[in-house]
Amino acid sequence: MKHHQHLDLNYLNTMAADDEELKKELMVMLLDEMGRCLPEMRRFWNAEQWFSLQQLCHHTKSTLIYCGNQIVIQANAALEEGLKDNSKKKALLAHLEKMETFFPIIMQELKVELEQV
């Protein structure tokens, strides 16, 4: 396995154990979920659907563990908590934008890793 700058598959590898097929399935699911949730987050933000966005952040929390990137894990958690606390939206936008910056990079590294499985 190659070392990546923004992807840490330690948790995913632990969950898959030595089952390469399961590892591949988990990676495909991670790619699909990440590709689906980020545009949905932006759509909820733009529509000011704060409760739906907070629920999606909560759901995404368990997905992000598999990519192992602490930046997006923490940004997602901060966004979720800020929405629960009704924090200033402008401050929360930075967390969404951080995820929008890092998701494509993580997904690209995941695609490279998937090709090697």
Protein backbone atom coordinates (compact mmCIF):
# COMPACT_ATOMS: atom_id res chain seq x y z
CA MET A 1 0.00 0.00 0.00
CA LYS A 2 1.24 3.41 -0.96
CA HIS A 3 1.47 6.28 1.51
CA HIS A 4 -0.91 9.10 0.70
CA GLN A 5 -0.82 12.67 1.88
CA HIS A 6 -4.52 13.04 2.76
CA LEU A 7 -5.79 9.47 3.02
CA ASP A 8 -5.22 7.16 5.98
CA LEU A 9 -6.75 3.74 5.47
CA ASN A 10 -5.65 2.23 8.79
CA TYR A 11 -9.21 1.95 10.10
CA LEU A 12 -10.50 0.59 6.80
CA ASN A 13 -7.70 -1.98 6.71
CA THR A 14 -8.43 -3.00 10.29
CA MET A 15 -12.10 -3.51 9.47
CA ALA A 16 -11.30 -5.50 6.32
CA ALA A 17 -8.64 -7.59 8.09
CA ASP A 18 -6.98 -9.67 5.40
CA ASP A 19 -10.02 -9.81 3.14
CA GLU A 20 -8.97 -7.97 -0.03
CA GLU A 21 -12.46 -8.25 -1.53
CA LEU A 22 -14.01 -6.64 1.53
CA LYS A 23 -11.34 -3.93 1.45
CA LYS A 24 -12.24 -3.19 -2.16
CA GLU A 25 -15.96 -3.10 -1.34
CA LEU A 26 -15.37 -0.70 1.55
CA MET A 27 -13.27 1.57 -0.64
CA VAL A 28 -15.96 1.65 -3.35
CA MET A 29 -18.61 2.42 -0.73
CA LEU A 30 -16.44 5.19 0.70
CA LEU A 31 -15.96 6.75 -2.74
CA ASP A 32 -19.68 6.56 -3.48
CA GLU A 33 -20.67 8.03 -0.13
CA MET A 34 -18.14 10.87 -0.28
CA GLY A 35 -19.17 11.66 -3.85
CA ARG A 36 -22.82 11.81 -2.87
CA CYS A 37 -22.73 13.61 0.46
CA LEU A 38 -20.64 16.67 -0.36
CA PRO A 39 -22.90 18.05 -3.14
CA GLU A 40 -25.88 17.29 -0.91
CA MET A 41 -24.28 19.26 1.94
CA ARG A 42 -23.78 22.25 -0.33
CA ARG A 43 -27.34 21.97 -1.61
CA PHE A 44 -28.69 21.96 1.96
CA TRP A 45 -26.46 24.92 2.82
CA ASN A 46 -27.60 26.96 -0.16
CA ALA A 47 -31.25 26.17 0.60
CA GLU A 48 -30.69 27.02 4.29
CA GLN A 49 -31.97 23.60 5.28
CA TRP A 50 -30.00 23.57 8.51
CA PHE A 51 -31.64 20.56 10.15
CA SER A 52 -31.16 18.41 7.03
CA LEU A 53 -27.55 19.52 6.82
CA GLN A 54 -26.97 18.71 10.48
CA GLN A 55 -28.49 15.25 9.98
CA LEU A 56 -26.29 14.63 6.94
CA CYS A 57 -23.19 15.70 8.89
CA HIS A 58 -24.16 13.23 11.60
CA HIS A 59 -24.59 10.44 9.04
CA THR A 60 -21.31 11.33 7.32
CA LYS A 61 -19.38 11.14 10.58
CA SER A 62 -19.22 7.34 10.45
CA THR A 63 -18.18 7.40 6.78
CA LEU A 64 -15.29 9.77 7.28
CA ILE A 65 -13.64 7.50 9.83
CA TYR A 66 -12.78 5.19 6.94
CA CYS A 67 -10.80 7.86 5.05
CA GLY A 68 -8.85 8.72 8.18
CA ASN A 69 -8.39 12.39 7.32
CA GLN A 70 -8.57 14.35 10.57
CA ILE A 71 -9.10 17.66 8.77
CA VAL A 72 -12.40 16.58 7.21
CA ILE A 73 -13.42 14.56 10.26
CA GLN A 74 -12.98 17.63 12.46
CA ALA A 75 -14.57 20.01 9.94
CA ASN A 76 -17.62 17.77 9.67
CA ALA A 77 -17.90 17.48 13.46
CA ALA A 78 -17.55 21.25 13.91
CA LEU A 79 -20.22 21.87 11.27
CA GLU A 80 -22.57 19.38 12.89
CA GLU A 81 -22.05 20.81 16.39
CA GLY A 82 -22.35 24.39 15.16
CA LEU A 83 -25.64 23.61 13.48
CA LYS A 84 -26.93 22.01 16.69
CA ASP A 85 -25.91 25.08 18.66
CA ASN A 86 -27.26 27.46 16.01
CA SER A 87 -23.83 29.09 15.63
CA LYS A 88 -23.19 31.93 13.25
CA LYS A 89 -23.58 30.55 9.75
CA LYS A 90 -20.69 32.54 8.33
CA ALA A 91 -18.28 30.85 10.74
CA LEU A 92 -19.72 27.45 9.87
CA LEU A 93 -19.28 28.00 6.15
CA ALA A 94 -15.51 27.67 6.58
CA HIS A 95 -15.97 24.06 7.72
CA LEU A 96 -18.03 23.18 4.66
CA GLU A 97 -15.50 24.90 2.40
CA LYS A 98 -12.69 22.94 4.05
CA MET A 99 -14.51 19.70 3.23
CA GLU A 100 -15.09 20.93 -0.33
CA THR A 101 -11.34 21.50 -0.63
CA PHE A 102 -10.21 18.16 0.77
CA PHE A 103 -12.89 15.70 -0.41
CA PRO A 104 -11.73 15.72 -4.07
CA ILE A 105 -8.10 15.21 -3.02
CA ILE A 106 -9.00 12.36 -0.70
CA MET A 107 -11.23 10.79 -3.33
CA GLN A 108 -8.44 10.95 -5.92
CA GLU A 109 -6.02 9.26 -3.54
CA LEU A 110 -8.67 6.65 -2.78
CA LYS A 111 -9.14 5.96 -6.52
CA VAL A 112 -5.39 5.45 -6.89
CA GLU A 113 -5.40 3.07 -3.94
CA LEU A 114 -8.42 1.21 -5.31
CA GLU A 115 -6.63 0.59 -8.60
CA GLN A 116 -3.88 -1.18 -6.65
CA VAL A 117 -6.20 -3.55 -4.77
